[in-house]
Structures are given as C-alpha cells and as structure tokens.
C-alpha cells in the first residue's frame, strides 16, 4: 500500500493515482494506484457505503464487481 504524499502520481499515465476514497464504516481513507491497463487476475479490495453495500465489502476477483452491480440493482 502506498501512502498519500507529495509524490503522488495523479494525472494521466501508466501509474495514475486516484483518491482518497472513504473506507466504509470508518474514518480511514485510501488511495488507488493504477499500474496496469491489463486484467491482472488478482483479487482487489472493495469498500462501499449505502444500500446493498454488503455486496461490495471484502476482497474479490475484479470481475465480481459486474455481477455485484447487477445484483444490487435487482437485475439478477
């Protein structure tokens, strides 16, 4: 995990950084550092707040998000 500091790579490019984002049900925040434009086939941490947030809390394969969105919207 990378800390939020003055050397953040915000902006366009291969290592773009976004955030900070709120961690659900806490006062903590996190940054996302995008280092690849390809599917990496690794689990990713997910956090959410609001209706159906339980579907987006934990660590999942990144393709899970599509199915969770459909379920949260009542489509599946």
Protein backbone atom coordinates (compact mmCIF):
# COMPACT_ATOMS: atom_id res chain seq x y z
CA UNK A 1 0.00 0.00 0.00
CA UNK A 2 1.22 3.46 -0.86
CA UNK A 3 0.75 6.48 1.38
CA UNK A 4 -0.81 9.75 0.25
CA UNK A 5 2.10 12.20 -0.03
CA UNK A 6 3.52 14.96 -2.20
CA UNK A 7 4.94 12.44 -4.72
CA UNK A 8 1.54 11.07 -5.79
CA UNK A 9 1.32 10.27 -9.48
CA UNK A 10 -2.05 11.97 -10.04
CA UNK A 11 -2.81 12.69 -13.65
CA UNK A 12 -2.66 10.72 -16.85
CA UNK A 13 -0.20 7.95 -17.47
CA UNK A 14 0.57 4.33 -16.66
CA UNK A 15 0.77 4.88 -12.89
CA UNK A 16 -2.20 7.16 -12.33
CA UNK A 17 -3.33 7.61 -8.72
CA UNK A 18 -6.90 8.36 -7.60
CA UNK A 19 -8.45 9.18 -4.28
CA UNK A 20 -8.55 9.45 -1.41
CA UNK A 21 -11.68 7.31 -1.06
CA UNK A 22 -13.54 6.70 2.19
CA UNK A 23 -13.36 3.21 3.75
CA UNK A 24 -16.91 2.13 4.57
CA UNK A 25 -17.94 2.46 8.22
CA UNK A 26 -14.65 4.06 9.33
CA UNK A 27 -12.78 7.35 9.37
CA UNK A 28 -9.98 5.93 7.19
CA UNK A 29 -9.33 6.72 3.54
CA UNK A 30 -7.29 5.01 0.83
CA UNK A 31 -5.66 5.83 -2.49
CA UNK A 32 -5.83 3.73 -5.65
CA UNK A 33 -2.68 3.47 -7.72
CA UNK A 34 -3.39 2.18 -11.24
CA UNK A 35 -0.29 0.46 -12.53
CA UNK A 36 -1.63 -1.62 -15.41
CA UNK A 37 -4.12 -1.29 -18.23
CA UNK A 38 -4.48 -5.07 -18.45
CA UNK A 39 -6.52 -7.63 -16.49
CA UNK A 40 -4.22 -8.78 -13.73
CA UNK A 41 -6.32 -11.75 -12.48
CA UNK A 42 -5.71 -10.85 -8.85
CA UNK A 43 -8.19 -10.11 -6.08
CA UNK A 44 -8.94 -6.46 -5.36
CA UNK A 45 -10.19 -4.82 -2.14
CA UNK A 46 -13.67 -3.33 -2.40
CA UNK A 47 -15.45 -1.00 0.02
CA UNK A 48 -18.84 0.70 -0.16
CA UNK A 49 -21.47 2.59 1.77
CA UNK A 50 -25.22 2.80 1.23
CA UNK A 51 -27.91 0.40 0.06
CA UNK A 52 -26.53 -3.09 -0.75
CA UNK A 53 -23.05 -2.04 0.42
CA UNK A 54 -22.55 -5.53 1.86
CA UNK A 55 -22.18 -6.76 -1.74
CA UNK A 56 -19.07 -4.59 -2.15
CA UNK A 57 -17.16 -5.11 1.09
CA UNK A 58 -14.24 -7.50 1.07
CA UNK A 59 -11.68 -8.78 -1.40
CA UNK A 60 -12.87 -10.21 -4.70
CA UNK A 61 -11.67 -11.02 -8.21
CA UNK A 62 -12.20 -7.80 -10.14
CA UNK A 63 -14.75 -9.42 -12.50
CA UNK A 64 -17.04 -9.93 -9.46
CA UNK A 65 -17.94 -6.23 -9.48
CA UNK A 66 -20.06 -6.55 -12.65
CA UNK A 67 -22.22 -9.30 -11.13
CA UNK A 68 -22.50 -7.47 -7.80
CA UNK A 69 -23.72 -4.31 -9.56
CA UNK A 70 -26.41 -6.29 -11.37
CA UNK A 71 -27.50 -7.89 -8.10
CA UNK A 72 -27.54 -4.54 -6.27
CA UNK A 73 -29.77 -3.06 -8.99
CA UNK A 74 -32.15 -6.04 -8.83
CA UNK A 75 -31.34 -7.17 -12.38
CA UNK A 76 -30.05 -10.58 -11.25
